[in-house]
Amino acid sequence: MFTKILLATDGSEHSQRAIEQTIKMVNPYKEQVEIELVYSVDGDGSKSDILKYGDADTATIKRKERFLETIQNIESNGIEANIMILHGEPAETIISYANERAYDCVVVGSRGRNKFQTLMLGSVSHKLMKYIKAPVMVVK
């Protein structure tokens, strides 16, 4: 049974499916489960948000607000949840964060890329599966 789950999200449709699957997966044990959503902001996204909102503190608040509905949805199912905003290249940042903590499972949505893009760029979900020490579930 997984009781401490890291759910990597970027707010996309793929991430939403991962969230829904995680809720289903832990539902029988929901009183004993804690889900931590993690969102990693890369340099370009950080600069863009600061320009949009005026300062780093406001940008952080706005990022957390973006996931407020998701947190409320998880908690409405009787599951404890919180959000952590990280800064850096998403794959590397999430790998480091996950490996520094004792998660039972890491859940991430898959990302639709064509074969060439995947070959040249790789995918965050593939990197997480390869380098995170805990079990990783990729949800299509």
Protein backbone atom coordinates (compact mmCIF):
# COMPACT_ATOMS: atom_id res chain seq x y z
CA MET A 1 0.00 0.00 0.00
CA PHE A 2 1.26 3.46 -0.90
CA THR A 3 0.76 6.03 1.85
CA LYS A 4 3.15 8.82 0.85
CA ILE A 5 2.79 9.74 -2.81
CA LEU A 6 4.53 12.40 -4.86
CA LEU A 7 2.38 13.53 -7.75
CA ALA A 8 4.35 15.49 -10.36
CA THR A 9 2.08 17.90 -12.18
CA ASP A 10 2.24 20.69 -14.71
CA GLY A 11 -1.48 21.45 -14.84
CA SER A 12 -1.92 19.71 -18.21
CA GLU A 13 -4.62 17.25 -19.24
CA HIS A 14 -2.09 14.42 -18.81
CA SER A 15 -1.43 15.56 -15.24
CA GLN A 16 -5.13 15.73 -14.51
CA ARG A 17 -5.55 12.10 -15.56
CA ALA A 18 -2.64 11.17 -13.28
CA ILE A 19 -4.35 12.96 -10.39
CA GLU A 20 -7.66 11.18 -11.04
CA GLN A 21 -5.92 7.80 -11.25
CA THR A 22 -4.05 8.45 -8.01
CA ILE A 23 -7.28 9.27 -6.20
CA LYS A 24 -8.82 6.01 -7.45
CA MET A 25 -5.71 4.04 -6.53
CA VAL A 26 -5.58 5.23 -2.90
CA ASN A 27 -9.31 5.54 -2.24
CA PRO A 28 -9.61 2.35 -0.12
CA TYR A 29 -6.82 3.64 2.16
CA LYS A 30 -7.49 7.37 1.91
CA GLU A 31 -7.37 8.05 5.66
CA GLN A 32 -3.76 6.86 5.74
CA VAL A 33 -2.53 8.57 2.55
CA GLU A 34 -0.73 11.84 1.98
CA ILE A 35 -0.30 13.22 -1.53
CA GLU A 36 2.20 15.93 -2.31
CA LEU A 37 1.78 17.65 -5.64
CA VAL A 38 4.99 19.05 -7.02
CA TYR A 39 5.23 21.60 -9.81
CA SER A 40 8.62 22.63 -11.17
CA VAL A 41 9.03 26.03 -12.79
CA ASP A 42 11.89 26.32 -15.26
CA GLY A 43 13.86 29.52 -15.82
CA ASP A 44 11.76 30.76 -18.74
CA GLY A 45 8.51 30.13 -16.88
CA SER A 46 9.82 31.87 -13.80
CA LYS A 47 10.88 34.96 -15.74
CA SER A 48 7.58 35.06 -17.57
CA ASP A 49 5.58 34.79 -14.33
CA ILE A 50 7.60 37.52 -12.62
CA LEU A 51 7.10 39.85 -15.57
CA LYS A 52 3.39 39.03 -15.59
CA TYR A 53 2.80 39.42 -11.84
CA GLY A 54 5.46 41.99 -10.93
CA ASP A 55 7.49 40.11 -8.31
CA ALA A 56 8.56 36.61 -7.24
CA ASP A 57 6.31 36.42 -4.17
CA THR A 58 3.16 37.24 -6.14
CA ALA A 59 4.20 34.78 -8.86
CA THR A 60 4.56 32.03 -6.24
CA ILE A 61 1.12 32.81 -4.81
CA LYS A 62 -0.43 32.74 -8.30
CA ARG A 63 1.25 29.39 -9.06
CA LYS A 64 -0.18 27.89 -5.86
CA GLU A 65 -3.62 29.34 -6.67
CA ARG A 66 -3.44 27.55 -10.03
CA PHE A 67 -3.50 24.23 -8.14
CA LEU A 68 -5.95 25.20 -5.39
CA GLU A 69 -8.89 23.52 -7.12
CA THR A 70 -6.85 20.34 -7.59
CA ILE A 71 -5.88 20.29 -3.89
CA GLN A 72 -9.51 20.86 -2.91
CA ASN A 73 -10.60 18.04 -5.23
CA ILE A 74 -8.13 15.62 -3.64
CA GLU A 75 -9.06 16.71 -0.10
CA SER A 76 -12.79 16.41 -0.89
CA ASN A 77 -12.07 12.69 -1.35
CA GLY A 78 -10.76 12.52 2.22
CA ILE A 79 -7.07 12.51 1.22
CA GLU A 80 -4.49 14.85 2.73
CA ALA A 81 -2.75 16.93 0.05
CA ASN A 82 -0.44 19.89 -0.41
CA ILE A 83 1.52 21.58 -3.20
CA MET A 84 5.24 22.28 -3.44
CA ILE A 85 6.54 24.71 -6.05
CA LEU A 86 10.11 23.95 -7.14
CA HIS A 87 12.45 25.92 -9.38
CA GLY A 88 14.65 24.44 -12.06
CA GLU A 89 14.60 22.07 -15.02
CA PRO A 90 11.51 19.92 -14.28
CA ALA A 91 12.98 16.42 -14.66
CA GLU A 92 16.19 17.06 -12.76
CA THR A 93 14.49 19.08 -10.04
CA ILE A 94 11.75 16.52 -9.43
CA ILE A 95 14.24 13.63 -9.46
CA SER A 96 16.39 15.34 -6.85
CA TYR A 97 13.38 16.29 -4.72
CA ALA A 98 11.89 12.78 -4.84
CA ASN A 99 15.16 11.03 -4.08
CA GLU A 100 15.79 13.23 -1.03
CA ARG A 101 12.50 12.12 0.54
CA ALA A 102 10.91 8.78 1.34
CA TYR A 103 8.00 8.45 -1.10
CA ASP A 104 6.27 5.13 -1.59
CA CYS A 105 5.37 6.02 -5.15
CA VAL A 106 5.75 8.83 -7.67
CA VAL A 107 2.93 9.41 -10.15
CA VAL A 108 3.27 11.43 -13.34
CA GLY A 109 1.21 11.88 -16.48
CA SER A 110 2.60 10.84 -19.82
CA ARG A 111 3.23 13.47 -22.41
CA GLY A 112 2.22 13.17 -26.05
CA ARG A 113 5.22 13.76 -28.27
CA ASN A 114 6.04 12.39 -31.66
CA LYS A 115 8.90 9.89 -32.04
CA PHE A 116 11.38 12.51 -33.25
CA GLN A 117 10.69 14.87 -30.33
CA THR A 118 11.04 12.06 -27.82
CA LEU A 119 14.28 10.87 -29.45
CA MET A 120 15.81 14.36 -29.42
CA LEU A 121 14.41 15.75 -26.17
CA GLY A 122 13.42 12.78 -24.06
CA SER A 123 10.45 13.18 -21.78
CA VAL A 124 10.10 14.19 -18.16
CA SER A 125 8.17 11.01 -17.38
CA HIS A 126 10.88 8.82 -18.95
CA LYS A 127 13.61 10.57 -16.96
CA LEU A 128 11.61 10.21 -13.75
CA MET A 129 11.13 6.49 -14.36
CA LYS A 130 14.83 6.06 -15.02
CA TYR A 131 16.32 8.03 -12.11
CA ILE A 132 13.85 8.14 -9.22
CA LYS A 133 14.58 5.45 -6.64
CA ALA A 134 10.91 4.90 -5.67
CA PRO A 135 8.40 3.15 -7.94
CA VAL A 136 7.11 5.48 -10.65
CA MET A 137 3.67 5.19 -12.24
CA VAL A 138 3.15 6.89 -15.61
CA VAL A 139 -0.51 7.48 -16.42
CA LYS A 140 -1.57 7.75 -20.06
